Amino acid sequence: MKTSLKLLFVALTMGLAGQAIAEAKDAGHGKDYRTFHTNGEVEYGSVEDSYTADLVMYLAGNQFMVMQELITDFQKKNPDIESVYVETIPPGQILKGQLLKQGEIDGQQTAMNPDIFASVNIGHLKKLNSMSLMDEYAIYIHNKLELMIAAGNPKGIKGPEDLGRDDLVQSHPNPLTEGIFKFYGSEMLKDLGLHEKITGGAECKSCWAVEGKTWFTSRHHRETPDRIEKGEADVGIVWTTEVVHAKAEGRPIDGVAIPAPLNKIDKVNYAIGNMKNGRNAENAARYLSYLASDEAQAIYESYGFIRATSEELSLKPL
């Protein structure tokens, strides 16, 4: 009996260790596709739920850390919405690879008609409007850029101007699929006159934009804390919320504030709307109404996001 228990303990320990290694290896990608149930169960990677869940949402990936608390609160207030499928990856990938054409995740087809789509680029929603797939939108939160560094700031980085230093190895979101860099980070570097030096004019992902100096991520800017922890990078452009989340998890990460207007605080608007071809229009409307509540805004705020105004939270035609 003791031997059996010992073997079981070893197996469980190895399983948990393997899971931890896998999660570290994929830099948080395991949280990209989740199904939340009213009983508190969270399923990971059940892509088939995009066809059957009571509410299906494809959202900008940088809010992945908020979703469990947010959806739990939403379902407590709406217990009849028993399953909520949430995808959190770069919205450009969602629009081009899943809404405008049949997409696949790990070899499995995903639904092209979520109930809700959200992006940090309102142009994505306007594209859907031009195809008669979305009529209205609201701005529901804001964010801003920040520099992520190792705890204790061993390189003595003081601000975004330091990105022009030759002694730093940088990790930035890729310009092909990540809106944070495509629309905001690259603009900040141009404002500073550093874009060419830092990017070398490269348009790629999973690559050295400048050999040995600037790395462009594969899919998520949340790969950057992983690289910093491993000593593979000294600094990276991220959202303020990424720094808040990493520190809350006890990771050896710090942040260096970027002053306005370089942090693009006046431009970063998260836009959301109901898809006209979604299966659960009533549930989608209830979720958008919930997003405008003080409870939902407070949850986002606790993770470092900036509240939207009541005017912004009102639905408007695209």
Protein backbone atom coordinates (compact mmCIF):
# COMPACT_ATOMS: atom_id res chain seq x y z
CA MET A 1 0.00 0.00 0.00
CA LYS A 2 2.77 2.40 0.94
CA THR A 3 4.58 1.61 -2.30
CA SER A 4 1.44 2.30 -4.32
CA LEU A 5 0.87 5.62 -2.56
CA LYS A 6 4.48 6.58 -3.14
CA LEU A 7 4.22 5.77 -6.83
CA LEU A 8 1.02 7.79 -7.06
CA PHE A 9 2.70 10.74 -5.35
CA VAL A 10 5.66 10.54 -7.72
CA ALA A 11 3.37 10.38 -10.74
CA LEU A 12 1.34 13.37 -9.57
CA THR A 13 4.48 15.34 -8.80
CA MET A 14 5.97 14.59 -12.19
CA GLY A 15 2.68 15.52 -13.86
CA LEU A 16 2.52 18.86 -12.11
CA ALA A 17 6.16 19.53 -12.88
CA GLY A 18 5.57 18.66 -16.51
CA GLN A 19 2.60 21.02 -16.62
CA ALA A 20 4.69 23.81 -15.08
CA ILE A 21 7.46 23.22 -17.60
CA ALA A 22 4.97 23.25 -20.46
CA GLU A 23 3.40 26.47 -19.24
CA ALA A 24 6.81 28.10 -18.92
CA LYS A 25 7.81 26.87 -22.35
CA ASP A 26 4.77 28.29 -24.09
CA ALA A 27 5.04 31.64 -22.26
CA GLY A 28 1.39 31.62 -21.24
CA HIS A 29 -0.03 30.40 -24.55
CA GLY A 30 -1.98 27.74 -22.63
CA LYS A 31 -4.37 30.46 -21.48
CA ASP A 32 -5.23 31.48 -25.02
CA TYR A 33 -8.33 29.28 -25.27
CA ARG A 34 -10.45 28.74 -22.17
CA THR A 35 -14.00 27.69 -21.40
CA PHE A 36 -15.45 28.95 -18.13
CA HIS A 37 -18.31 27.04 -16.47
CA THR A 38 -20.71 28.21 -13.78
CA ASN A 39 -19.48 25.43 -11.46
CA GLY A 40 -16.05 27.05 -11.41
CA GLU A 41 -14.44 24.57 -13.81
CA VAL A 42 -12.08 26.04 -16.41
CA GLU A 43 -11.23 23.99 -19.50
CA TYR A 44 -8.05 24.76 -21.44
CA GLY A 45 -7.74 24.32 -25.18
CA SER A 46 -11.26 22.98 -25.85
CA VAL A 47 -11.47 24.76 -29.19
CA GLU A 48 -14.60 22.83 -30.13
CA ASP A 49 -16.46 24.90 -27.51
CA SER A 50 -16.29 27.84 -29.91
CA TYR A 51 -19.18 26.10 -31.71
CA THR A 52 -21.32 25.25 -28.69
CA ALA A 53 -20.72 27.56 -25.70
CA ASP A 54 -23.50 29.83 -24.43
CA LEU A 55 -21.27 32.83 -25.09
CA VAL A 56 -18.23 32.92 -27.41
CA MET A 57 -15.75 35.80 -27.29
CA TYR A 58 -12.58 36.46 -29.28
CA LEU A 59 -10.64 39.21 -27.51
CA ALA A 60 -7.30 41.04 -27.66
CA GLY A 61 -4.79 38.78 -25.93
CA ASN A 62 -3.31 41.31 -23.53
CA GLN A 63 -6.32 41.03 -21.19
CA PHE A 64 -5.85 37.29 -20.60
CA MET A 65 -5.03 37.85 -16.91
CA VAL A 66 -8.38 39.51 -16.20
CA MET A 67 -10.68 36.94 -17.70
CA GLN A 68 -11.07 34.38 -14.93
CA GLU A 69 -12.13 36.94 -12.31
CA LEU A 70 -14.24 38.86 -14.81
CA ILE A 71 -16.10 35.87 -16.25
CA THR A 72 -16.63 34.37 -12.79
CA ASP A 73 -18.31 37.59 -11.69
CA PHE A 74 -20.35 37.78 -14.89
CA GLN A 75 -21.60 34.21 -14.53
CA LYS A 76 -22.53 34.76 -10.88
CA LYS A 77 -24.79 37.55 -12.10
CA ASN A 78 -25.96 35.50 -15.10
CA PRO A 79 -25.98 31.85 -13.92
CA ASP A 80 -28.06 30.69 -16.89
CA ILE A 81 -25.06 31.43 -19.16
CA GLU A 82 -23.43 28.19 -18.14
CA SER A 83 -20.43 28.14 -20.50
CA VAL A 84 -18.33 31.01 -21.80
CA TYR A 85 -15.59 30.33 -24.35
CA VAL A 86 -12.90 33.01 -24.42
CA GLU A 87 -10.04 33.29 -26.88
CA THR A 88 -7.32 35.82 -26.08
CA ILE A 89 -4.77 36.21 -28.88
CA PRO A 90 -3.65 39.19 -31.01
CA PRO A 91 -6.80 40.58 -32.66
CA GLY A 92 -5.15 40.95 -36.05
CA GLN A 93 -4.65 37.19 -36.11
CA ILE A 94 -8.28 36.68 -35.09
CA LEU A 95 -9.65 38.99 -37.78
CA LYS A 96 -7.55 37.72 -40.67
CA GLY A 97 -7.21 34.09 -39.66
CA GLN A 98 -10.52 33.23 -38.00
CA LEU A 99 -13.26 35.72 -38.86
CA LEU A 100 -12.54 36.44 -42.52
CA LYS A 101 -11.52 32.87 -43.34
CA GLN A 102 -11.76 29.45 -41.77
CA GLY A 103 -9.06 29.20 -39.13
CA GLU A 104 -7.47 26.31 -37.30
CA ILE A 105 -5.99 26.04 -33.82
CA ASP A 106 -3.61 23.13 -33.31
CA GLY A 107 -5.10 21.47 -36.38
CA GLN A 108 -8.69 21.92 -35.25
CA GLN A 109 -11.16 24.23 -36.96
CA THR A 110 -12.51 27.14 -34.92
CA ALA A 111 -15.84 28.91 -35.30
CA MET A 112 -15.88 31.91 -37.63
CA ASN A 113 -18.87 33.49 -35.85
CA PRO A 114 -18.11 34.35 -32.22
CA ASP A 115 -20.77 36.34 -30.42
CA ILE A 116 -18.32 39.13 -29.52
CA PHE A 117 -15.08 40.44 -31.00
CA ALA A 118 -12.79 43.04 -29.43
CA SER A 119 -9.60 44.72 -30.60
CA VAL A 120 -7.18 47.52 -29.75
CA ASN A 121 -7.69 48.73 -33.33
CA ILE A 122 -11.14 50.06 -34.17
CA GLY A 123 -10.20 49.60 -37.83
CA HIS A 124 -10.70 45.87 -37.31
CA LEU A 125 -14.31 46.49 -36.26
CA LYS A 126 -14.87 48.86 -39.17
CA LYS A 127 -13.69 46.13 -41.51
CA LEU A 128 -16.34 43.82 -40.08
CA ASN A 129 -18.91 46.61 -40.47
CA SER A 130 -18.02 46.95 -44.16
CA MET A 131 -18.88 43.27 -44.51
CA SER A 132 -22.19 43.63 -42.63
CA LEU A 133 -20.87 41.57 -39.71
CA MET A 134 -20.98 44.27 -37.00
CA ASP A 135 -23.11 47.40 -36.57
CA GLU A 136 -22.21 48.91 -33.18
CA TYR A 137 -19.22 49.23 -30.88
CA ALA A 138 -18.16 50.61 -27.51
CA ILE A 139 -14.83 51.58 -25.98
CA TYR A 140 -14.59 49.62 -22.74
CA ILE A 141 -11.04 50.08 -21.34
CA HIS A 142 -7.72 51.79 -22.01
CA ASN A 143 -4.06 50.88 -21.54
CA LYS A 144 -0.62 52.44 -22.01
CA LEU A 145 2.89 51.40 -22.96
CA GLU A 146 5.60 50.64 -20.41
CA LEU A 147 9.11 49.19 -20.47
CA MET A 148 9.54 45.79 -18.83
CA ILE A 149 12.92 45.11 -17.20
CA ALA A 150 14.48 42.64 -14.79
CA ALA A 151 13.79 43.16 -11.07
CA GLY A 152 16.11 45.72 -9.54
CA ASN A 153 16.78 47.33 -12.93
CA PRO A 154 20.32 45.92 -13.28
CA LYS A 155 20.88 47.82 -16.54
CA GLY A 156 19.88 51.17 -15.04
CA ILE A 157 17.21 51.87 -17.67
CA LYS A 158 15.59 55.25 -16.99
CA GLY A 159 13.17 55.73 -19.86
CA PRO A 160 12.34 55.02 -23.50
CA GLU A 161 15.29 57.08 -24.75
CA ASP A 162 17.55 54.38 -23.32
CA LEU A 163 16.29 52.00 -26.00
CA GLY A 164 18.87 53.68 -28.21
CA ARG A 165 21.71 52.30 -26.07
CA ASP A 166 24.03 49.76 -27.69
CA ASP A 167 24.47 47.62 -24.57
CA LEU A 168 20.84 46.42 -24.35
CA VAL A 169 19.26 43.28 -25.79
CA GLN A 170 15.61 44.01 -26.51
CA SER A 171 12.47 41.89 -26.91
CA HIS A 172 9.51 43.54 -28.59
CA PRO A 173 6.11 42.45 -29.96
CA ASN A 174 6.32 41.50 -33.60
CA PRO A 175 5.06 44.11 -36.11
CA LEU A 176 3.15 41.62 -38.24
CA THR A 177 0.41 40.41 -35.90
CA GLU A 178 0.68 42.33 -32.62
CA GLY A 179 -1.22 45.59 -32.49
CA ILE A 180 0.71 46.86 -29.49
CA PHE A 181 3.78 47.26 -31.70
CA LYS A 182 2.21 47.67 -35.12
CA PHE A 183 0.07 50.63 -34.03
CA TYR A 184 1.72 52.00 -30.90
CA GLY A 185 5.22 50.74 -30.10
CA SER A 186 6.56 51.43 -33.58
CA GLU A 187 5.02 54.91 -33.49
CA MET A 188 6.73 55.60 -30.17
CA LEU A 189 10.10 54.54 -31.60
CA LYS A 190 9.54 56.81 -34.60
CA ASP A 191 8.66 59.68 -32.26
CA LEU A 192 12.02 59.09 -30.55
CA GLY A 193 13.90 58.78 -33.84
CA LEU A 194 14.96 55.24 -32.90
CA HIS A 195 12.78 53.05 -35.11
CA GLU A 196 15.38 52.23 -37.76
CA LYS A 197 18.14 51.60 -35.24
CA ILE A 198 16.05 49.28 -33.07
CA THR A 199 14.11 47.38 -35.76
CA GLY A 200 16.48 47.58 -38.72
CA GLY A 201 13.31 48.03 -40.77
CA ALA A 202 12.52 44.33 -40.27
CA GLU A 203 8.97 43.00 -40.70
CA CYS A 204 9.04 39.52 -39.19
CA LYS A 205 8.17 37.41 -36.16
CA SER A 206 10.11 34.80 -34.17
CA CYS A 207 13.19 36.54 -35.50
CA TRP A 208 16.13 38.78 -34.77
CA ALA A 209 15.14 42.13 -36.24
CA VAL A 210 18.67 43.25 -35.47
CA GLU A 211 20.94 40.25 -34.95
CA GLY A 212 21.71 39.73 -31.27
CA LYS A 213 20.08 43.02 -30.30
CA THR A 214 16.33 43.12 -31.03
CA TRP A 215 14.07 40.06 -30.95
CA PHE A 216 10.52 40.09 -32.32
CA THR A 217 8.14 37.72 -30.52
CA SER A 218 6.27 34.80 -32.07
CA ARG A 219 2.71 35.48 -31.00
CA HIS A 220 2.53 37.38 -27.72
CA HIS A 221 4.29 40.27 -26.07
CA ARG A 222 3.90 38.15 -22.94
CA GLU A 223 6.81 36.11 -24.27
CA THR A 224 8.98 39.08 -23.24
CA PRO A 225 8.93 38.46 -19.45
CA ASP A 226 9.94 34.89 -20.17
CA ARG A 227 12.96 36.08 -22.16
CA ILE A 228 13.92 38.61 -19.49
CA GLU A 229 13.75 35.95 -16.76
CA LYS A 230 15.99 33.67 -18.80
CA GLY A 231 18.55 36.44 -19.31
CA GLU A 232 17.84 36.50 -23.05
CA ALA A 233 16.66 40.13 -23.02
CA ASP A 234 17.16 43.24 -20.91
CA VAL A 235 14.09 45.24 -21.84
CA GLY A 236 10.89 45.15 -23.87
CA ILE A 237 7.91 47.29 -24.80
CA VAL A 238 4.77 45.90 -23.14
CA TRP A 239 1.46 47.12 -21.77
CA THR A 240 1.48 48.50 -18.23
CA THR A 241 -0.91 45.69 -17.35
CA GLU A 242 1.76 43.11 -18.26
CA VAL A 243 4.11 44.56 -15.66
CA VAL A 244 1.35 44.68 -13.04
CA HIS A 245 0.45 41.05 -13.74
CA ALA A 246 4.04 39.76 -13.71
CA LYS A 247 4.76 41.46 -10.39
CA ALA A 248 1.51 40.16 -8.89
CA GLU A 249 2.65 36.65 -9.78
CA GLY A 250 5.94 37.25 -7.97
CA ARG A 251 8.02 37.11 -11.12
CA PRO A 252 11.42 38.90 -11.01
CA ILE A 253 10.18 41.72 -13.21
CA ASP A 254 9.98 45.50 -12.86
CA GLY A 255 8.70 48.32 -15.02
CA VAL A 256 9.95 51.69 -16.17
CA ALA A 257 7.19 54.20 -16.85
CA ILE A 258 7.00 55.87 -20.25
CA PRO A 259 5.77 59.47 -20.03
CA ALA A 260 2.80 60.74 -22.02
CA PRO A 261 2.33 61.20 -24.91
CA LEU A 262 5.00 58.61 -25.76
CA ASN A 263 3.09 55.93 -23.82
CA LYS A 264 0.15 56.45 -26.25
CA ILE A 265 -2.32 56.69 -23.37
CA ASP A 266 -4.39 59.08 -25.48
CA LYS A 267 -4.69 56.58 -28.33
CA VAL A 268 -5.02 53.10 -26.81
CA ASN A 269 -8.72 52.29 -26.94
CA TYR A 270 -10.15 48.79 -26.58
CA ALA A 271 -13.16 48.51 -28.90
CA ILE A 272 -15.79 45.78 -28.66
CA GLY A 273 -18.96 44.81 -30.49
CA ASN A 274 -21.49 42.05 -31.13
CA MET A 275 -21.06 39.91 -34.24
CA LYS A 276 -24.26 39.88 -36.28
CA ASN A 277 -23.74 36.24 -37.25
CA GLY A 278 -23.12 35.04 -33.69
CA ARG A 279 -25.32 32.34 -32.19
CA ASN A 280 -26.07 34.01 -28.85
CA ALA A 281 -27.10 37.60 -29.49
CA GLU A 282 -29.01 38.04 -26.23
CA ASN A 283 -26.13 36.71 -24.12
CA ALA A 284 -23.71 38.95 -25.98
CA ALA A 285 -25.87 41.99 -25.26
CA ARG A 286 -25.96 41.06 -21.58
CA TYR A 287 -22.17 40.83 -21.50
CA LEU A 288 -21.70 44.25 -23.09
CA SER A 289 -24.12 45.69 -20.55
CA TYR A 290 -22.10 44.03 -17.77
CA LEU A 291 -18.85 45.52 -19.12
CA ALA A 292 -20.30 48.98 -18.55
CA SER A 293 -20.96 48.23 -14.87
CA ASP A 294 -18.85 49.57 -12.03
CA GLU A 295 -18.02 46.01 -10.97
CA ALA A 296 -16.55 45.08 -14.35
CA GLN A 297 -14.64 48.34 -14.68
CA ALA A 298 -13.24 47.91 -11.15
CA ILE A 299 -11.96 44.42 -12.00
CA TYR A 300 -10.15 45.73 -15.08
CA GLU A 301 -8.77 48.64 -13.08
CA SER A 302 -7.36 46.29 -10.43
CA TYR A 303 -5.18 44.72 -13.15
CA GLY A 304 -3.76 48.08 -14.25
CA PHE A 305 -6.21 48.97 -17.01
CA ILE A 306 -7.74 52.43 -17.24
CA ARG A 307 -11.51 52.81 -16.95
CA ALA A 308 -13.61 53.94 -19.87
CA THR A 309 -16.00 56.84 -19.44
CA SER A 310 -19.75 56.36 -19.39
CA GLU A 311 -19.89 58.02 -22.80
CA GLU A 312 -17.32 55.62 -24.23
CA LEU A 313 -19.17 52.64 -22.79
CA SER A 314 -22.35 53.56 -24.66
CA LEU A 315 -22.86 51.64 -27.90
CA LYS A 316 -22.43 53.72 -31.04
CA PRO A 317 -22.81 52.97 -34.75
CA LEU A 318 -19.64 52.05 -36.63
